[in-house]
């Protein structure tokens, strides 16, 4: 296959969050910003937005041959990793999956939720708009996401403060897949 320079891709993505089950933009609206009544822009990110789809396969084995005759998919884990460059209290609540952000005259505060370990976590939907091959647009939708890693943010003299976050995609239902990727067509 010959190299096609128009298929090379570079550029930032924009990350939005919404409620699980949020109305997804139509596939034909891929070049348009999602409805801001449904999807909230998290603001700037730092060091990009990484998408990882990890797959685990179990090997099939028989006594009669030394080669692996086949494999079966046993696990798939999709994650979206970024650094939120705007360390607002609203973004902190998003990275911690819950909590109460309140504001009053001259202040804004955050308190974490008081959930027990048996409480269902507060899942969210995520939407990332970026670039696809050919200079066109790509949209990634995570239908049921949860911030699953430790949240860390540092205050240093010579570095920007960011919220590091990893969102993992989760099973929704037999008819609704955990994620969807849509590319704009020329």
N, C-alpha and C. Protein backbone atom coordinates (compact mmCIF):
# COMPACT_ATOMS: atom_id res chain seq x y z
N UNK A 1 0.84 -1.17 0.00
CA UNK A 1 0.00 0.00 0.00
C UNK A 1 0.89 1.24 0.00
N UNK A 2 0.64 2.12 -0.90
CA UNK A 2 1.41 3.35 -1.00
C UNK A 2 0.95 4.34 0.07
N UNK A 3 1.86 5.20 0.49
CA UNK A 3 1.54 6.22 1.49
C UNK A 3 0.68 7.30 0.85
N UNK A 4 -0.38 7.67 1.54
CA UNK A 4 -1.23 8.78 1.10
C UNK A 4 -1.11 9.89 2.14
N UNK A 5 -0.44 10.97 1.76
CA UNK A 5 -0.20 12.08 2.70
C UNK A 5 -1.51 12.65 3.23
N UNK A 6 -2.58 12.57 2.46
CA UNK A 6 -3.86 13.12 2.94
C UNK A 6 -4.45 12.28 4.07
N UNK A 7 -3.97 11.05 4.27
CA UNK A 7 -4.46 10.22 5.36
C UNK A 7 -3.72 10.45 6.67
N UNK A 8 -2.65 11.24 6.64
CA UNK A 8 -1.91 11.54 7.87
C UNK A 8 -2.73 12.52 8.69
N UNK A 9 -2.75 12.32 9.99
CA UNK A 9 -3.65 13.07 10.85
C UNK A 9 -2.89 13.70 12.00
N UNK A 10 -3.23 14.92 12.33
CA UNK A 10 -2.64 15.61 13.47
C UNK A 10 -3.61 16.69 13.91
N UNK A 11 -3.67 16.93 15.18
CA UNK A 11 -4.49 18.02 15.67
C UNK A 11 -5.18 17.67 16.97
N UNK A 12 -5.67 18.66 17.66
CA UNK A 12 -6.30 18.45 18.96
C UNK A 12 -7.71 17.91 18.84
N UNK A 13 -8.20 17.41 19.94
CA UNK A 13 -9.60 17.01 20.05
C UNK A 13 -10.28 17.89 21.08
N UNK A 14 -11.59 17.92 21.01
CA UNK A 14 -12.39 18.66 21.98
C UNK A 14 -13.23 17.65 22.73
N UNK A 15 -13.23 17.73 24.06
CA UNK A 15 -13.92 16.75 24.89
C UNK A 15 -15.15 17.36 25.53
N UNK A 16 -16.26 16.60 25.46
CA UNK A 16 -17.53 17.00 26.06
C UNK A 16 -18.01 15.87 26.97
N UNK A 17 -18.86 16.21 27.93
CA UNK A 17 -19.50 15.17 28.75
C UNK A 17 -20.99 15.46 28.85
N UNK A 18 -21.74 14.40 29.09
CA UNK A 18 -23.19 14.50 29.24
C UNK A 18 -23.68 13.36 30.11
N UNK A 19 -24.96 13.26 30.26
CA UNK A 19 -25.56 12.19 31.06
C UNK A 19 -25.56 10.90 30.25
N UNK A 20 -25.51 9.76 30.95
CA UNK A 20 -25.65 8.48 30.27
C UNK A 20 -26.99 8.49 29.56
N UNK A 21 -27.00 8.07 28.31
CA UNK A 21 -28.22 8.08 27.52
C UNK A 21 -28.48 9.42 26.84
N UNK A 22 -27.52 10.33 26.93
CA UNK A 22 -27.69 11.65 26.30
C UNK A 22 -27.96 11.48 24.81
N UNK A 23 -28.75 12.36 24.26
CA UNK A 23 -29.06 12.32 22.84
C UNK A 23 -27.77 12.58 22.07
N UNK A 24 -27.40 11.62 21.24
CA UNK A 24 -26.17 11.74 20.46
C UNK A 24 -26.45 12.54 19.19
N UNK A 25 -25.48 13.35 18.79
CA UNK A 25 -25.65 14.06 17.52
C UNK A 25 -25.79 13.05 16.38
N UNK A 26 -26.51 13.43 15.35
CA UNK A 26 -26.63 12.57 14.18
C UNK A 26 -25.26 12.36 13.55
N UNK A 27 -25.06 11.20 12.94
CA UNK A 27 -23.79 10.94 12.25
C UNK A 27 -23.54 11.97 11.17
N UNK A 28 -24.58 12.49 10.55
CA UNK A 28 -24.44 13.47 9.48
C UNK A 28 -24.04 14.85 10.01
N UNK A 29 -24.11 15.06 11.33
CA UNK A 29 -23.76 16.35 11.93
C UNK A 29 -22.35 16.33 12.51
N UNK A 30 -21.48 15.49 11.97
CA UNK A 30 -20.16 15.30 12.54
C UNK A 30 -19.30 16.56 12.54
N UNK A 31 -19.50 17.47 11.61
CA UNK A 31 -18.71 18.69 11.59
C UNK A 31 -19.23 19.77 12.50
N UNK A 32 -20.39 19.53 13.12
CA UNK A 32 -21.04 20.53 13.97
C UNK A 32 -20.78 20.24 15.44
N UNK A 33 -20.69 21.28 16.25
CA UNK A 33 -20.56 21.10 17.69
C UNK A 33 -21.83 20.44 18.22
N UNK A 34 -21.70 19.56 19.22
CA UNK A 34 -22.90 18.93 19.78
C UNK A 34 -23.76 19.95 20.52
N UNK A 35 -25.01 19.61 20.72
CA UNK A 35 -25.98 20.47 21.40
C UNK A 35 -25.48 20.81 22.80
N UNK A 36 -25.25 22.11 23.08
CA UNK A 36 -24.69 22.50 24.39
C UNK A 36 -25.72 22.40 25.52
N UNK A 37 -26.97 22.11 25.20
CA UNK A 37 -27.95 21.84 26.24
C UNK A 37 -27.81 20.40 26.74
N UNK A 38 -27.13 19.56 25.96
CA UNK A 38 -26.97 18.14 26.28
C UNK A 38 -25.52 17.81 26.64
N UNK A 39 -24.58 18.43 25.92
CA UNK A 39 -23.15 18.13 26.05
C UNK A 39 -22.40 19.35 26.55
N UNK A 40 -21.61 19.19 27.60
CA UNK A 40 -20.83 20.27 28.20
C UNK A 40 -19.37 20.13 27.80
N UNK A 41 -18.82 21.18 27.23
CA UNK A 41 -17.40 21.22 26.86
C UNK A 41 -16.57 21.31 28.14
N UNK A 42 -15.58 20.42 28.30
CA UNK A 42 -14.76 20.44 29.52
C UNK A 42 -13.68 21.50 29.45
N UNK A 43 -13.53 22.17 28.30
CA UNK A 43 -12.51 23.20 28.16
C UNK A 43 -11.23 22.62 27.61
N UNK A 44 -10.14 23.34 27.82
CA UNK A 44 -8.86 22.94 27.27
C UNK A 44 -8.32 21.66 27.88
N UNK A 45 -7.57 20.93 27.07
CA UNK A 45 -6.86 19.74 27.54
C UNK A 45 -5.36 19.96 27.29
N UNK A 46 -4.56 19.15 27.94
CA UNK A 46 -3.10 19.27 27.81
C UNK A 46 -2.54 17.89 27.48
N UNK A 47 -1.60 17.82 26.56
CA UNK A 47 -0.95 16.58 26.15
C UNK A 47 -1.88 15.65 25.37
N UNK A 48 -2.91 16.19 24.77
CA UNK A 48 -3.78 15.42 23.90
C UNK A 48 -4.83 14.61 24.63
N UNK A 49 -5.62 13.90 23.84
CA UNK A 49 -6.63 12.98 24.34
C UNK A 49 -6.30 11.63 23.72
N UNK A 50 -5.97 10.65 24.54
CA UNK A 50 -5.58 9.33 24.04
C UNK A 50 -6.73 8.36 24.17
N UNK A 51 -6.98 7.62 23.11
CA UNK A 51 -7.98 6.56 23.12
C UNK A 51 -7.26 5.24 23.06
N UNK A 52 -7.59 4.33 23.95
CA UNK A 52 -6.98 3.01 23.96
C UNK A 52 -8.08 1.97 23.96
N UNK A 53 -7.95 1.00 23.06
CA UNK A 53 -8.87 -0.14 23.05
C UNK A 53 -8.00 -1.37 23.28
N UNK A 54 -8.02 -1.86 24.51
CA UNK A 54 -7.22 -3.03 24.89
C UNK A 54 -8.08 -4.28 24.71
N UNK A 55 -7.51 -5.27 24.03
CA UNK A 55 -8.24 -6.51 23.79
C UNK A 55 -7.45 -7.68 24.36
N UNK A 56 -8.14 -8.59 25.03
CA UNK A 56 -7.50 -9.81 25.52
C UNK A 56 -8.13 -11.00 24.82
N UNK A 57 -7.26 -11.91 24.37
CA UNK A 57 -7.71 -13.11 23.68
C UNK A 57 -7.23 -14.35 24.42
N UNK A 58 -8.07 -15.35 24.47
CA UNK A 58 -7.70 -16.64 25.02
C UNK A 58 -7.28 -17.54 23.85
N UNK A 59 -6.15 -18.21 24.00
CA UNK A 59 -5.67 -19.08 22.94
C UNK A 59 -6.38 -20.43 22.98
N UNK A 60 -6.71 -20.92 21.80
CA UNK A 60 -7.21 -22.29 21.67
C UNK A 60 -6.01 -23.20 21.51
N UNK A 61 -6.12 -24.43 21.98
CA UNK A 61 -4.97 -25.32 21.96
C UNK A 61 -5.43 -26.75 21.72
N UNK A 62 -4.65 -27.47 20.93
CA UNK A 62 -4.90 -28.90 20.72
C UNK A 62 -3.58 -29.64 20.87
N UNK A 63 -3.65 -30.92 21.19
CA UNK A 63 -2.46 -31.73 21.39
C UNK A 63 -1.72 -32.03 20.08
N UNK A 64 -2.42 -32.06 18.97
CA UNK A 64 -1.86 -32.57 17.73
C UNK A 64 -0.97 -31.58 16.98
N UNK A 65 -1.02 -30.29 17.28
CA UNK A 65 -0.18 -29.32 16.58
C UNK A 65 0.49 -28.38 17.57
N UNK A 66 1.64 -27.83 17.19
CA UNK A 66 2.38 -26.93 18.07
C UNK A 66 1.93 -25.48 17.89
N UNK A 67 1.33 -25.19 16.75
CA UNK A 67 0.88 -23.82 16.49
C UNK A 67 -0.44 -23.54 17.21
N UNK A 68 -0.68 -22.28 17.49
CA UNK A 68 -1.94 -21.86 18.08
C UNK A 68 -2.98 -21.87 16.96
N UNK A 69 -4.02 -22.71 17.04
CA UNK A 69 -4.98 -22.81 15.95
C UNK A 69 -5.98 -21.65 15.88
N UNK A 70 -6.11 -20.89 16.96
CA UNK A 70 -7.04 -19.76 16.95
C UNK A 70 -7.12 -19.09 18.30
N UNK A 71 -7.90 -18.04 18.35
CA UNK A 71 -8.09 -17.28 19.60
C UNK A 71 -9.53 -16.82 19.68
N UNK A 72 -9.98 -16.54 20.90
CA UNK A 72 -11.31 -16.00 21.13
C UNK A 72 -11.20 -14.77 22.02
N UNK A 73 -11.91 -13.71 21.65
CA UNK A 73 -11.92 -12.47 22.43
C UNK A 73 -12.58 -12.73 23.78
N UNK A 74 -11.87 -12.40 24.87
CA UNK A 74 -12.41 -12.63 26.20
C UNK A 74 -12.63 -11.34 26.98
N UNK A 75 -12.02 -10.24 26.52
CA UNK A 75 -12.18 -8.98 27.25
C UNK A 75 -11.80 -7.82 26.34
N UNK A 76 -12.56 -6.73 26.45
CA UNK A 76 -12.22 -5.50 25.72
C UNK A 76 -12.41 -4.34 26.70
N UNK A 77 -11.42 -3.46 26.75
CA UNK A 77 -11.46 -2.33 27.65
C UNK A 77 -11.06 -1.08 26.88
N UNK A 78 -12.00 -0.16 26.72
CA UNK A 78 -11.73 1.08 26.00
C UNK A 78 -11.59 2.19 27.03
N UNK A 79 -10.55 3.02 26.87
CA UNK A 79 -10.38 4.14 27.79
C UNK A 79 -10.01 5.40 27.03
N UNK A 80 -10.33 6.51 27.63
CA UNK A 80 -10.03 7.84 27.11
C UNK A 80 -9.23 8.54 28.21
N UNK A 81 -8.00 8.96 27.89
CA UNK A 81 -7.09 9.54 28.88
C UNK A 81 -6.71 10.95 28.44
N UNK A 82 -6.76 11.88 29.38
CA UNK A 82 -6.35 13.25 29.08
C UNK A 82 -5.98 13.97 30.36
N UNK A 83 -5.48 15.16 30.20
CA UNK A 83 -5.26 16.09 31.31
C UNK A 83 -6.17 17.28 31.07
N UNK A 84 -7.06 17.51 31.99
CA UNK A 84 -7.95 18.67 31.87
C UNK A 84 -7.16 19.90 32.28
N UNK A 85 -6.94 20.79 31.33
CA UNK A 85 -6.08 21.95 31.56
C UNK A 85 -6.79 23.07 32.30
N UNK A 86 -8.09 22.94 32.47
CA UNK A 86 -8.84 23.94 33.23
C UNK A 86 -9.29 23.29 34.54
N UNK A 87 -8.49 23.41 35.60
CA UNK A 87 -8.78 22.72 36.85
C UNK A 87 -9.88 23.42 37.67
N UNK A 88 -11.06 23.47 37.09
CA UNK A 88 -12.22 24.07 37.76
C UNK A 88 -12.85 23.07 38.71
N UNK A 89 -13.67 23.53 39.61
CA UNK A 89 -14.37 22.63 40.52
C UNK A 89 -15.37 21.75 39.76
N UNK A 90 -15.96 22.27 38.70
CA UNK A 90 -16.87 21.45 37.89
C UNK A 90 -16.10 20.30 37.24
N UNK A 91 -14.90 20.56 36.74
CA UNK A 91 -14.09 19.49 36.18
C UNK A 91 -13.60 18.52 37.25
N UNK A 92 -13.35 19.01 38.47
CA UNK A 92 -12.98 18.12 39.56
C UNK A 92 -14.13 17.16 39.86
N UNK A 93 -15.35 17.67 39.91
CA UNK A 93 -16.52 16.81 40.14
C UNK A 93 -16.64 15.76 39.05
N UNK A 94 -16.35 16.14 37.80
CA UNK A 94 -16.40 15.18 36.69
C UNK A 94 -15.34 14.10 36.87
N UNK A 95 -14.12 14.47 37.24
CA UNK A 95 -13.05 13.49 37.38
C UNK A 95 -13.25 12.58 38.59
N UNK A 96 -14.00 13.05 39.58
CA UNK A 96 -14.26 12.23 40.77
C UNK A 96 -15.63 11.54 40.70
N UNK A 97 -16.29 11.64 39.56
CA UNK A 97 -17.56 10.96 39.26
C UNK A 97 -18.75 11.47 40.06
N UNK A 98 -18.59 12.48 40.84
CA UNK A 98 -19.72 13.00 41.63
C UNK A 98 -19.24 14.11 42.53
N UNK A 99 -20.14 14.59 43.31
CA UNK A 99 -19.84 15.65 44.26
C UNK A 99 -20.74 16.83 44.03
N UNK A 100 -20.70 17.75 44.94
CA UNK A 100 -21.58 18.91 44.88
C UNK A 100 -20.75 20.18 44.75
N UNK A 101 -20.98 20.90 43.66
CA UNK A 101 -20.35 22.20 43.45
C UNK A 101 -21.40 23.25 43.75
N UNK A 102 -21.10 24.12 44.69
CA UNK A 102 -22.04 25.19 45.03
C UNK A 102 -21.32 26.53 44.91
N UNK A 103 -22.11 27.55 44.72
CA UNK A 103 -21.51 28.88 44.65
C UNK A 103 -22.39 29.85 45.41
N UNK A 104 -21.77 30.89 45.84
CA UNK A 104 -22.45 31.94 46.57
C UNK A 104 -21.76 33.26 46.30
N UNK A 105 -22.04 34.23 47.11
CA UNK A 105 -21.46 35.55 46.93
C UNK A 105 -19.96 35.50 47.20
N UNK A 106 -19.17 35.54 46.14
CA UNK A 106 -17.72 35.59 46.28
C UNK A 106 -17.03 34.26 46.48
N UNK A 107 -17.73 33.12 46.29
CA UNK A 107 -17.05 31.83 46.44
C UNK A 107 -17.73 30.75 45.60
N UNK A 108 -16.99 29.67 45.41
CA UNK A 108 -17.48 28.45 44.80
C UNK A 108 -16.81 27.33 45.56
N UNK A 109 -17.53 26.25 45.89
CA UNK A 109 -16.94 25.17 46.68
C UNK A 109 -17.33 23.81 46.11
N UNK A 110 -16.54 22.80 46.48
CA UNK A 110 -16.79 21.42 46.07
C UNK A 110 -16.74 20.53 47.31
N UNK A 111 -17.70 19.62 47.42
CA UNK A 111 -17.67 18.58 48.44
C UNK A 111 -17.95 17.26 47.75
N UNK A 112 -17.17 16.21 48.09
CA UNK A 112 -17.40 14.91 47.45
C UNK A 112 -18.71 14.30 47.91
N UNK A 113 -19.19 13.34 47.13
CA UNK A 113 -20.41 12.63 47.53
C UNK A 113 -20.09 11.74 48.72
N UNK A 114 -21.10 11.35 49.45
CA UNK A 114 -20.92 10.51 50.63
C UNK A 114 -21.43 9.11 50.34
N UNK A 115 -21.14 8.61 49.13
CA UNK A 115 -21.62 7.29 48.71
C UNK A 115 -20.92 6.19 49.49
N UNK A 116 -21.59 5.04 49.56
CA UNK A 116 -20.96 3.85 50.11
C UNK A 116 -20.40 3.04 48.94
N UNK A 117 -19.63 2.04 49.25
CA UNK A 117 -19.05 1.23 48.18
C UNK A 117 -20.11 0.45 47.42
N UNK A 118 -21.28 0.26 48.00
CA UNK A 118 -22.35 -0.49 47.34
C UNK A 118 -23.21 0.41 46.43
N UNK A 119 -22.98 1.71 46.46
CA UNK A 119 -23.76 2.62 45.65
C UNK A 119 -23.30 2.58 44.20
N UNK A 120 -24.26 2.61 43.28
CA UNK A 120 -23.91 2.66 41.86
C UNK A 120 -23.12 3.93 41.60
N UNK A 121 -22.01 3.83 40.89
CA UNK A 121 -21.25 5.04 40.58
C UNK A 121 -22.00 5.94 39.61
N UNK A 122 -21.57 7.17 39.54
CA UNK A 122 -22.20 8.16 38.66
C UNK A 122 -21.50 8.14 37.30
N UNK A 123 -22.02 7.31 36.41
CA UNK A 123 -21.47 7.22 35.05
C UNK A 123 -21.82 8.46 34.27
N UNK A 124 -21.07 8.70 33.20
CA UNK A 124 -21.37 9.81 32.30
C UNK A 124 -21.16 9.35 30.86
N UNK A 125 -21.64 10.14 29.94
CA UNK A 125 -21.35 9.92 28.52
C UNK A 125 -20.26 10.91 28.13
N UNK A 126 -19.41 10.51 27.19
CA UNK A 126 -18.32 11.36 26.72
C UNK A 126 -18.37 11.44 25.20
N UNK A 127 -17.99 12.58 24.70
CA UNK A 127 -17.94 12.79 23.25
C UNK A 127 -16.66 13.55 22.94
N UNK A 128 -15.86 13.01 22.02
CA UNK A 128 -14.62 13.67 21.63
C UNK A 128 -14.68 13.95 20.14
N UNK A 129 -14.50 15.20 19.76
CA UNK A 129 -14.40 15.59 18.36
C UNK A 129 -12.95 15.85 18.03
N UNK A 130 -12.46 15.20 16.99
CA UNK A 130 -11.09 15.38 16.56
C UNK A 130 -11.00 15.27 15.05
N UNK A 131 -9.84 14.88 14.56
CA UNK A 131 -9.60 14.81 13.13
C UNK A 131 -9.45 13.37 12.68
N UNK A 132 -9.88 13.12 11.44
CA UNK A 132 -9.75 11.82 10.80
C UNK A 132 -8.87 11.97 9.57
N UNK A 133 -8.63 10.87 8.90
CA UNK A 133 -7.83 10.90 7.67
C UNK A 133 -8.47 11.83 6.65
N UNK A 134 -7.63 12.43 5.83
CA UNK A 134 -8.12 13.32 4.78
C UNK A 134 -8.48 14.70 5.26
N UNK A 135 -8.08 15.05 6.49
CA UNK A 135 -8.41 16.37 7.03
C UNK A 135 -9.87 16.51 7.41
N UNK A 136 -10.57 15.38 7.47
CA UNK A 136 -11.99 15.39 7.83
C UNK A 136 -12.13 15.25 9.34
N UNK A 137 -13.33 15.17 9.83
CA UNK A 137 -13.59 15.12 11.27
C UNK A 137 -13.85 13.69 11.73
N UNK A 138 -13.54 13.43 12.99
CA UNK A 138 -13.83 12.15 13.64
C UNK A 138 -14.53 12.45 14.96
N UNK A 139 -15.52 11.65 15.28
CA UNK A 139 -16.24 11.78 16.56
C UNK A 139 -16.20 10.44 17.27
N UNK A 140 -15.81 10.46 18.54
CA UNK A 140 -15.81 9.26 19.38
C UNK A 140 -16.82 9.49 20.49
N UNK A 141 -17.74 8.55 20.64
CA UNK A 141 -18.76 8.65 21.68
C UNK A 141 -18.59 7.47 22.63
N UNK A 142 -18.38 7.76 23.91
CA UNK A 142 -18.37 6.74 24.96
C UNK A 142 -19.72 6.88 25.66
N UNK A 143 -20.53 5.84 25.56
CA UNK A 143 -21.91 5.94 26.02
C UNK A 143 -22.08 5.76 27.53
N UNK A 144 -21.15 5.09 28.17
CA UNK A 144 -21.22 4.89 29.63
C UNK A 144 -19.80 4.87 30.16
N UNK A 145 -19.33 6.04 30.58
CA UNK A 145 -17.95 6.18 31.03
C UNK A 145 -17.86 6.46 32.51
N UNK A 146 -16.71 6.15 33.06
CA UNK A 146 -16.46 6.38 34.48
C UNK A 146 -14.99 6.70 34.66
N UNK A 147 -14.68 7.72 35.43
CA UNK A 147 -13.30 8.05 35.76
C UNK A 147 -12.81 6.96 36.70
N UNK A 148 -11.77 6.20 36.27
CA UNK A 148 -11.39 4.99 37.01
C UNK A 148 -10.02 5.02 37.65
N UNK A 149 -9.18 5.97 37.34
CA UNK A 149 -7.85 6.03 37.95
C UNK A 149 -7.81 7.11 39.02
N UNK A 150 -6.72 7.13 39.75
CA UNK A 150 -6.53 8.19 40.74
C UNK A 150 -6.53 9.54 40.05
N UNK A 151 -7.06 10.53 40.73
CA UNK A 151 -7.05 11.90 40.22
C UNK A 151 -5.95 12.63 40.96
N UNK A 152 -5.04 13.21 40.21
CA UNK A 152 -3.91 13.90 40.81
C UNK A 152 -3.74 15.26 40.15
N UNK A 153 -3.48 16.25 40.96
CA UNK A 153 -3.14 17.56 40.42
C UNK A 153 -2.14 18.22 41.35
N UNK A 154 -1.13 18.83 40.74
CA UNK A 154 -0.03 19.40 41.51
C UNK A 154 0.07 20.90 41.25
N UNK A 155 0.55 21.59 42.23
CA UNK A 155 0.85 23.03 42.11
C UNK A 155 2.36 23.17 42.19
N UNK A 156 2.98 23.53 41.05
CA UNK A 156 4.42 23.67 40.98
C UNK A 156 4.78 25.01 40.36
N UNK A 157 5.92 25.50 40.74
CA UNK A 157 6.37 26.80 40.26
C UNK A 157 6.53 26.83 38.74
N UNK A 158 7.00 25.72 38.16
CA UNK A 158 7.33 25.73 36.74
C UNK A 158 6.47 24.79 35.88
N UNK A 159 5.31 24.37 36.40
CA UNK A 159 4.42 23.49 35.62
C UNK A 159 2.97 23.91 35.79
N UNK A 160 2.21 23.68 34.75
CA UNK A 160 0.80 24.01 34.76
C UNK A 160 0.02 22.97 35.58
N UNK A 161 -0.96 23.42 36.33
CA UNK A 161 -1.82 22.51 37.09
C UNK A 161 -2.90 21.96 36.16
N UNK A 162 -3.04 20.64 36.16
CA UNK A 162 -4.05 19.96 35.35
C UNK A 162 -4.68 18.86 36.19
N UNK A 163 -5.88 18.43 35.79
CA UNK A 163 -6.50 17.24 36.37
C UNK A 163 -6.23 16.08 35.41
N UNK A 164 -5.43 15.12 35.82
CA UNK A 164 -5.19 13.92 35.02
C UNK A 164 -6.36 12.98 35.22
N UNK A 165 -6.92 12.48 34.12
CA UNK A 165 -8.12 11.66 34.23
C UNK A 165 -8.11 10.54 33.20
N UNK A 166 -8.58 9.38 33.62
CA UNK A 166 -8.78 8.23 32.73
C UNK A 166 -10.25 7.83 32.83
N UNK A 167 -10.95 7.92 31.71
CA UNK A 167 -12.33 7.46 31.66
C UNK A 167 -12.36 6.10 30.98
N UNK A 168 -13.04 5.13 31.59
CA UNK A 168 -13.18 3.81 31.00
C UNK A 168 -14.60 3.63 30.50
N UNK A 169 -14.74 2.97 29.34
CA UNK A 169 -16.04 2.68 28.77
C UNK A 169 -16.58 1.39 29.39
N UNK A 170 -17.91 1.31 29.52
CA UNK A 170 -18.54 0.15 30.13
C UNK A 170 -19.69 -0.36 29.27
N UNK A 171 -20.02 -1.62 29.49
CA UNK A 171 -21.13 -2.28 28.80
C UNK A 171 -22.42 -1.50 29.05
N UNK A 172 -23.24 -1.37 28.01
CA UNK A 172 -24.52 -0.68 28.15
C UNK A 172 -25.66 -1.70 28.03
N UNK A 173 -25.80 -2.33 26.88
CA UNK A 173 -26.84 -3.34 26.67
C UNK A 173 -26.51 -4.12 25.40
N UNK A 174 -27.23 -5.22 25.14
CA UNK A 174 -26.96 -5.96 23.90
C UNK A 174 -27.16 -5.11 22.62
N UNK A 175 -28.06 -4.15 22.68
CA UNK A 175 -28.35 -3.35 21.48
C UNK A 175 -27.61 -2.01 21.45
N UNK A 176 -27.06 -1.57 22.58
CA UNK A 176 -26.32 -0.31 22.65
C UNK A 176 -24.88 -0.64 22.99
N UNK A 177 -23.99 -0.41 22.05
CA UNK A 177 -22.58 -0.72 22.24
C UNK A 177 -21.92 0.32 23.15
N UNK A 178 -20.81 -0.03 23.82
CA UNK A 178 -20.19 0.89 24.78
C UNK A 178 -19.61 2.16 24.14
N UNK A 179 -19.18 2.06 22.89
CA UNK A 179 -18.62 3.23 22.22
C UNK A 179 -18.92 3.18 20.73
N UNK A 180 -18.76 4.33 20.10
CA UNK A 180 -18.99 4.46 18.66
C UNK A 180 -17.99 5.47 18.12
N UNK A 181 -17.44 5.17 16.94
CA UNK A 181 -16.53 6.09 16.27
C UNK A 181 -17.09 6.39 14.89
N UNK A 182 -17.24 7.68 14.58
CA UNK A 182 -17.81 8.11 13.30
C UNK A 182 -16.81 9.01 12.60
N UNK A 183 -16.51 8.70 11.36
CA UNK A 183 -15.65 9.55 10.53
C UNK A 183 -16.50 10.27 9.48
N UNK A 184 -16.19 11.52 9.28
CA UNK A 184 -16.81 12.28 8.21
C UNK A 184 -16.31 11.73 6.87
N UNK A 185 -17.19 11.64 5.90
CA UNK A 185 -16.81 11.18 4.56
C UNK A 185 -16.74 12.35 3.61
N UNK A 186 -15.80 12.29 2.68
CA UNK A 186 -15.64 13.38 1.71
C UNK A 186 -16.78 13.40 0.71
